[in-house]
Amino acid sequence: CRLWRAQSMLAPSKNLPADYDGNLKTHSPYPFSIKPDSSVSLQDVMAIMRDYLEGTPYDMTRGLAAGPFGSPDRWVGGAGEALVKGNWERPIALYRTSDSYVVQSRGWLPDMAGGGGGGGG
């Protein structure tokens, strides 16, 4: 679900199916990489990193499990949870993620300052 969501946010024109079941006998896997429909900004990457599947069939801010305030967080439900078949969707953003980093290289800067040109410094 996370790979589908990131790729569908970057290239909605691909119309990737949201219901891929991971079975190579019945479905082709999602592509390893895609060409985005438009240039990708740092803000686009940050939006992907904080996504909770809002506006999709798997929107975690809706339904009984989201509670009265539409929380996308899913907490361990105790012993009774094992009695219910299935799993929660796993979004890109998780409440237990402590750090996320978005790094941008710039070839015109020395390597020590974030450049990617090699040898500068």
Protein backbone atom coordinates (compact mmCIF):
# COMPACT_ATOMS: atom_id res chain seq x y z
CA CYS A 1 0.00 0.00 0.00
CA ARG A 2 2.87 2.41 0.76
CA LEU A 3 4.61 1.88 -2.57
CA TRP A 4 1.31 2.33 -4.41
CA ARG A 5 0.53 5.51 -2.49
CA ALA A 6 3.91 7.16 -3.10
CA GLN A 7 3.87 6.27 -6.80
CA SER A 8 0.24 7.35 -7.21
CA MET A 9 1.04 10.71 -5.61
CA LEU A 10 4.00 11.27 -7.94
CA ALA A 11 2.37 9.98 -11.12
CA PRO A 12 -1.42 9.89 -10.85
CA SER A 13 -1.62 9.49 -14.64
CA LYS A 14 -0.33 5.91 -14.25
CA ASN A 15 -3.64 4.88 -12.60
CA LEU A 16 -1.90 2.20 -10.56
CA PRO A 17 -4.36 -0.22 -8.94
CA ALA A 18 -4.81 0.30 -5.22
CA ASP A 19 -5.70 -3.33 -4.60
CA TYR A 20 -2.45 -5.08 -5.53
CA ASP A 21 -2.33 -8.21 -3.40
CA GLY A 22 1.39 -8.93 -3.59
CA ASN A 23 0.84 -12.27 -5.32
CA LEU A 24 3.11 -12.51 -8.35
CA LYS A 25 0.92 -15.27 -9.80
CA THR A 26 -2.15 -13.02 -10.02
CA HIS A 27 -0.73 -9.49 -10.40
CA SER A 28 2.31 -7.77 -11.79
CA PRO A 29 4.24 -5.89 -9.14
CA TYR A 30 4.35 -2.14 -9.13
CA PRO A 31 7.21 -0.71 -11.16
CA PHE A 32 10.54 -0.34 -9.40
CA SER A 33 10.59 3.31 -10.35
CA ILE A 34 8.38 5.76 -12.22
CA LYS A 35 8.74 9.05 -14.00
CA PRO A 36 6.80 11.69 -12.04
CA ASP A 37 4.08 13.56 -13.92
CA SER A 38 5.78 16.86 -13.00
CA SER A 39 8.87 18.14 -11.23
CA VAL A 40 9.08 16.98 -7.62
CA SER A 41 9.67 19.67 -5.01
CA LEU A 42 10.95 19.23 -1.47
CA GLN A 43 7.40 19.99 -0.30
CA ASP A 44 6.10 17.13 -2.48
CA VAL A 45 8.55 14.70 -0.87
CA MET A 46 7.60 15.92 2.61
CA ALA A 47 3.90 15.50 1.79
CA ILE A 48 4.56 11.90 0.77
CA MET A 49 6.48 11.25 3.99
CA ARG A 50 3.55 12.47 6.13
CA ASP A 51 0.78 10.75 4.14
CA TYR A 52 -1.94 8.74 5.91
CA LEU A 53 -3.75 7.60 2.76
CA GLU A 54 -6.26 10.45 2.98
CA GLY A 55 -8.77 10.51 0.15
CA THR A 56 -8.09 6.90 -0.90
CA PRO A 57 -10.08 3.70 -0.31
CA TYR A 58 -7.70 3.09 2.62
CA ASP A 59 -8.16 6.51 4.28
CA MET A 60 -7.14 5.97 7.90
CA THR A 61 -8.91 9.12 9.11
CA ARG A 62 -12.31 7.55 8.45
CA GLY A 63 -14.28 4.71 9.94
CA LEU A 64 -14.80 3.32 13.41
CA ALA A 65 -11.10 2.77 14.11
CA ALA A 66 -10.40 6.49 13.49
CA GLY A 67 -12.55 7.37 16.48
CA PRO A 68 -14.59 10.53 16.93
CA PHE A 69 -11.71 12.82 15.93
CA GLY A 70 -10.59 11.03 12.74
CA SER A 71 -7.21 9.90 14.06
CA PRO A 72 -5.10 7.95 11.55
CA ASP A 73 -3.13 6.29 14.36
CA ARG A 74 -3.75 2.63 15.10
CA TRP A 75 -2.77 1.44 18.55
CA VAL A 76 -2.33 -2.17 19.60
CA GLY A 77 -5.78 -3.32 20.69
CA GLY A 78 -4.83 -5.86 23.34
CA ALA A 79 -5.69 -9.54 23.46
CA GLY A 80 -9.04 -9.08 21.68
CA GLU A 81 -7.33 -7.79 18.54
CA ALA A 82 -6.00 -11.28 17.82
CA LEU A 83 -9.60 -12.53 17.51
CA VAL A 84 -10.30 -10.27 14.52
CA LYS A 85 -8.90 -11.37 11.16
CA GLY A 86 -6.96 -8.90 9.05
CA ASN A 87 -4.56 -6.04 9.58
CA TRP A 88 -4.59 -2.27 9.57
CA GLU A 89 -3.24 -0.57 6.51
CA ARG A 90 0.30 0.65 7.04
CA PRO A 91 0.66 4.22 5.82
CA ILE A 92 3.92 5.93 4.96
CA ALA A 93 3.59 8.14 8.05
CA LEU A 94 3.38 6.35 11.38
CA TYR A 95 2.80 7.81 14.83
CA ARG A 96 5.89 5.99 16.08
CA THR A 97 8.23 7.49 13.47
CA SER A 98 10.67 9.59 15.45
CA ASP A 99 12.71 11.07 12.58
CA SER A 100 12.41 11.54 8.84
CA TYR A 101 14.95 13.25 6.65
CA VAL A 102 14.76 14.75 3.21
CA VAL A 103 18.21 15.39 1.79
CA GLN A 104 18.95 17.46 -1.30
CA SER A 105 22.32 17.41 -3.04
CA ARG A 106 23.53 20.37 -5.04
CA GLY A 107 26.33 19.76 -7.51
CA TRP A 108 27.59 23.35 -7.32
CA LEU A 109 28.39 23.05 -3.60
CA PRO A 110 31.44 21.35 -2.12
CA ASP A 111 30.80 17.78 -0.95
CA MET A 112 31.10 18.79 2.71
CA ALA A 113 28.25 21.28 2.26
CA GLY A 114 25.78 18.98 0.48
CA GLY A 115 27.23 18.95 -3.00
CA GLY A 116 27.30 15.90 -5.18
CA GLY A 117 29.99 16.93 -7.62
CA GLY A 118 32.79 14.91 -6.09
CA GLY A 119 36.14 16.14 -4.93
CA GLY A 120 35.14 19.60 -3.81
CA GLY A 121 35.78 20.52 -0.25
